Amino acid sequence: MICRCRLRGTPRSGKQTVEASRRIAASCVERCGYGSNRVLPIVSITRNDDGSLTVPVAPGRHEEDSAGDAITEPGSMVIRPGEGGYIEALAEWESEQHPDRGEAVSTASGREQAMAVVHAVAEDPDHVAEAVDALDDPIAGAEALRHVLVGGTPSVQAFAGEVADEEGGDVIPPHTATRIIGEVLSEIDARPV
């Protein structure tokens, strides 16, 4: 479940462990009034065809429905690329899709693959599959892209700058780079191993 402070872009990394869940809940008490020392339930995030994400959202501290009853069930909201919390939610969605996968590790060759595929898709957004086909090692590229997502907005901004420096062209806006990363990861993950 994502509280309102996390949707405002509070950095978040990796998979949610019980300890991490407790820390998040405790820090949210201070920031937005939601949370406690209990473990937050982990509810699925849905990635829509247009790249947007439907995320569960904790109810506000004093929210009531039209009958005046307290709202205790989580709601949901759609986050689009470029909106606050999108990168963190995309990283969480990615970890939900592959719960058995370890932490993302970026190698030099994987980073080169990642930069090449992001540049290719930025140049020609209609040919994601062809850009992935051109990779020598799509798995290493995917790991590097996951590593970028886990780092949040600053990591995506730095990566977009590296892509421009390495591949040429203008710097890709972070929200566009995030959307491209999501499309590339979906394409790679849809392929048989």
Protein backbone atom coordinates (compact mmCIF):
# COMPACT_ATOMS: atom_id res chain seq x y z
CA MET A 1 0.00 0.00 0.00
CA ILE A 2 1.32 3.42 -0.80
CA CYS A 3 0.58 6.30 1.54
CA ARG A 4 0.15 9.83 0.39
CA CYS A 5 3.68 10.93 1.39
CA ARG A 6 5.23 8.30 -0.86
CA LEU A 7 3.11 9.56 -3.75
CA ARG A 8 4.72 12.96 -3.32
CA GLY A 9 8.03 11.47 -4.40
CA THR A 10 9.63 10.27 -1.18
CA PRO A 11 12.50 8.00 -2.32
CA ARG A 12 11.87 4.28 -2.03
CA SER A 13 14.19 1.44 -2.86
CA GLY A 14 13.91 -2.23 -3.68
CA LYS A 15 11.51 -4.82 -2.35
CA GLN A 16 9.39 -4.20 0.70
CA THR A 17 10.59 -6.32 3.59
CA VAL A 18 8.88 -6.56 6.96
CA GLU A 19 11.52 -4.28 8.51
CA ALA A 20 11.27 -1.77 5.65
CA SER A 21 7.50 -1.83 5.99
CA ARG A 22 7.76 -0.97 9.69
CA ARG A 23 10.18 1.90 8.98
CA ILE A 24 7.89 3.28 6.27
CA ALA A 25 4.86 3.03 8.52
CA ALA A 26 6.66 4.78 11.40
CA SER A 27 7.94 7.58 9.18
CA CYS A 28 4.48 8.08 7.66
CA VAL A 29 3.04 8.71 11.13
CA GLU A 30 5.32 11.72 11.35
CA ARG A 31 4.71 12.99 7.80
CA CYS A 32 1.11 12.31 6.86
CA GLY A 33 -0.47 10.78 9.95
CA TYR A 34 -0.93 7.35 8.38
CA GLY A 35 0.69 4.24 9.69
CA SER A 36 1.81 2.58 12.86
CA ASN A 37 4.34 -0.03 13.88
CA ARG A 38 2.26 -2.71 12.20
CA VAL A 39 3.26 -4.22 8.87
CA LEU A 40 1.57 -2.55 5.92
CA PRO A 41 -0.38 -4.91 3.69
CA ILE A 42 1.21 -5.30 0.29
CA VAL A 43 -1.42 -4.81 -2.41
CA SER A 44 -0.76 -5.29 -6.09
CA ILE A 45 -0.01 -2.43 -8.43
CA THR A 46 -1.48 -2.72 -11.92
CA ARG A 47 0.38 -1.50 -15.01
CA ASN A 48 -2.06 -0.29 -17.66
CA ASP A 49 -1.55 -0.53 -21.43
CA ASP A 50 -0.81 3.21 -21.67
CA GLY A 51 2.04 2.90 -19.14
CA SER A 52 0.09 4.39 -16.25
CA LEU A 53 -0.04 2.55 -12.93
CA THR A 54 -3.06 1.92 -10.72
CA VAL A 55 -1.77 1.95 -7.16
CA PRO A 56 -3.48 1.28 -3.84
CA VAL A 57 -3.59 4.33 -1.59
CA ALA A 58 -4.04 4.36 2.17
CA PRO A 59 -7.08 6.32 3.34
CA GLY A 60 -6.44 9.73 4.85
CA ARG A 61 -6.26 10.04 8.58
CA HIS A 62 -9.70 11.60 9.02
CA GLU A 63 -11.47 10.67 5.79
CA GLU A 64 -15.17 9.91 5.93
CA ASP A 65 -17.61 8.66 3.33
CA SER A 66 -20.87 10.47 2.49
CA ALA A 67 -22.65 8.71 5.39
CA GLY A 68 -20.07 10.03 7.88
CA ASP A 69 -18.43 6.65 8.50
CA ALA A 70 -14.64 6.48 8.71
CA ILE A 71 -12.96 5.12 5.58
CA THR A 72 -10.61 2.31 6.54
CA GLU A 73 -10.21 0.41 3.28
CA PRO A 74 -7.49 1.43 0.84
CA GLY A 75 -8.54 3.22 -2.30
CA SER A 76 -6.66 3.43 -5.55
CA MET A 77 -5.43 6.06 -7.95
CA VAL A 78 -3.84 6.18 -11.37
CA ILE A 79 -0.32 7.62 -11.68
CA ARG A 80 1.02 8.56 -15.10
CA PRO A 81 4.67 8.92 -16.14
CA GLY A 82 5.99 12.22 -14.87
CA GLU A 83 3.66 12.41 -11.88
CA GLY A 84 4.98 12.25 -8.33
CA GLY A 85 5.62 8.74 -7.09
CA TYR A 86 5.50 7.13 -10.55
CA ILE A 87 9.11 5.96 -10.56
CA GLU A 88 8.81 4.48 -7.09
CA ALA A 89 5.53 2.75 -7.99
CA LEU A 90 7.05 1.38 -11.20
CA ALA A 91 9.99 -0.05 -9.24
CA GLU A 92 7.53 -1.61 -6.77
CA TRP A 93 5.45 -3.03 -9.66
CA GLU A 94 8.60 -4.50 -11.18
CA SER A 95 9.52 -6.22 -7.90
CA GLU A 96 5.95 -7.54 -7.55
CA GLN A 97 6.19 -9.15 -10.97
CA HIS A 98 9.32 -11.07 -9.98
CA PRO A 99 9.32 -11.58 -6.20
CA ASP A 100 11.99 -14.29 -6.42
CA ARG A 101 14.46 -12.02 -8.22
CA GLY A 102 17.27 -10.59 -6.11
CA GLU A 103 18.33 -6.98 -6.02
CA ALA A 104 19.06 -5.39 -9.37
CA VAL A 105 22.75 -5.35 -10.24
CA SER A 106 24.13 -3.06 -12.91
CA THR A 107 27.24 -4.14 -14.79
CA ALA A 108 29.21 -1.99 -17.25
CA SER A 109 28.04 -4.05 -20.24
CA GLY A 110 24.46 -4.05 -18.93
CA ARG A 111 24.54 -0.28 -18.55
CA GLU A 112 25.78 0.08 -22.15
CA GLN A 113 22.95 -2.20 -23.32
CA ALA A 114 20.44 -0.19 -21.30
CA MET A 115 21.63 3.14 -22.71
CA ALA A 116 21.53 1.80 -26.26
CA VAL A 117 17.99 0.43 -25.99
CA VAL A 118 16.61 3.54 -24.26
CA HIS A 119 18.18 5.76 -26.93
CA ALA A 120 16.80 3.55 -29.72
CA VAL A 121 13.27 3.60 -28.28
CA ALA A 122 13.46 7.36 -27.68
CA GLU A 123 14.37 7.80 -31.37
CA ASP A 124 11.67 5.39 -32.61
CA PRO A 125 8.98 4.69 -29.97
CA ASP A 126 6.99 2.36 -32.24
CA HIS A 127 9.74 -0.26 -32.44
CA VAL A 128 10.45 -1.40 -28.88
CA ALA A 129 10.64 -5.07 -29.91
CA GLU A 130 13.20 -4.31 -32.62
CA ALA A 131 15.32 -2.29 -30.19
CA VAL A 132 15.30 -5.19 -27.72
CA ASP A 133 16.14 -7.64 -30.53
CA ALA A 134 19.26 -5.58 -31.30
CA LEU A 135 20.65 -6.09 -27.76
CA ASP A 136 23.51 -8.56 -27.31
CA ASP A 137 22.46 -9.29 -23.72
CA PRO A 138 18.88 -8.18 -22.94
CA ILE A 139 19.00 -9.69 -19.44
CA ALA A 140 22.01 -7.54 -18.43
CA GLY A 141 20.31 -4.49 -19.95
CA ALA A 142 17.11 -5.23 -18.02
CA GLU A 143 19.03 -5.56 -14.74
CA ALA A 144 20.72 -2.20 -15.37
CA LEU A 145 17.33 -0.60 -16.07
CA ARG A 146 15.88 -2.07 -12.87
CA HIS A 147 18.86 -0.66 -11.00
CA VAL A 148 18.07 2.78 -12.44
CA LEU A 149 14.43 2.53 -11.31
CA VAL A 150 15.33 1.54 -7.76
CA GLY A 151 17.38 4.74 -7.47
CA GLY A 152 14.28 6.87 -8.04
CA THR A 153 14.04 10.21 -9.83
CA PRO A 154 17.68 11.33 -9.31
CA SER A 155 18.90 8.05 -10.77
CA VAL A 156 16.60 8.33 -13.80
CA GLN A 157 17.71 11.94 -14.39
CA ALA A 158 21.39 10.96 -14.22
CA PHE A 159 20.77 7.99 -16.52
CA ALA A 160 18.98 10.18 -19.07
CA GLY A 161 22.01 12.51 -19.06
CA GLU A 162 24.35 9.55 -19.56
CA VAL A 163 22.25 8.34 -22.50
CA ALA A 164 22.55 11.76 -24.17
CA ASP A 165 26.30 11.90 -23.53
CA GLU A 166 26.94 8.35 -24.74
CA GLU A 167 24.48 8.02 -27.60
CA GLY A 168 24.13 11.67 -28.66
CA GLY A 169 21.03 13.80 -28.96
CA ASP A 170 19.09 15.76 -26.40
CA VAL A 171 18.60 14.70 -22.79
CA ILE A 172 15.41 12.65 -22.46
CA PRO A 173 13.03 14.10 -19.84
CA PRO A 174 12.90 11.83 -16.75
CA HIS A 175 9.20 11.00 -17.15
CA THR A 176 9.83 9.93 -20.76
CA ALA A 177 12.88 7.89 -19.75
CA THR A 178 10.82 6.17 -17.06
CA ARG A 179 8.05 5.34 -19.53
CA ILE A 180 10.61 3.93 -21.98
CA ILE A 181 12.26 1.86 -19.23
CA GLY A 182 8.86 0.40 -18.33
CA GLU A 183 8.12 -0.49 -21.95
CA VAL A 184 11.53 -2.10 -22.46
CA LEU A 185 11.28 -4.13 -19.25
CA SER A 186 7.81 -5.33 -20.23
CA GLU A 187 9.10 -6.38 -23.66
CA ILE A 188 12.12 -8.21 -22.20
CA ASP A 189 10.06 -9.92 -19.48
CA ALA A 190 7.46 -11.08 -22.01
CA ARG A 191 10.08 -13.08 -23.89
CA PRO A 192 10.94 -16.68 -23.02
CA VAL A 193 14.22 -17.08 -21.18
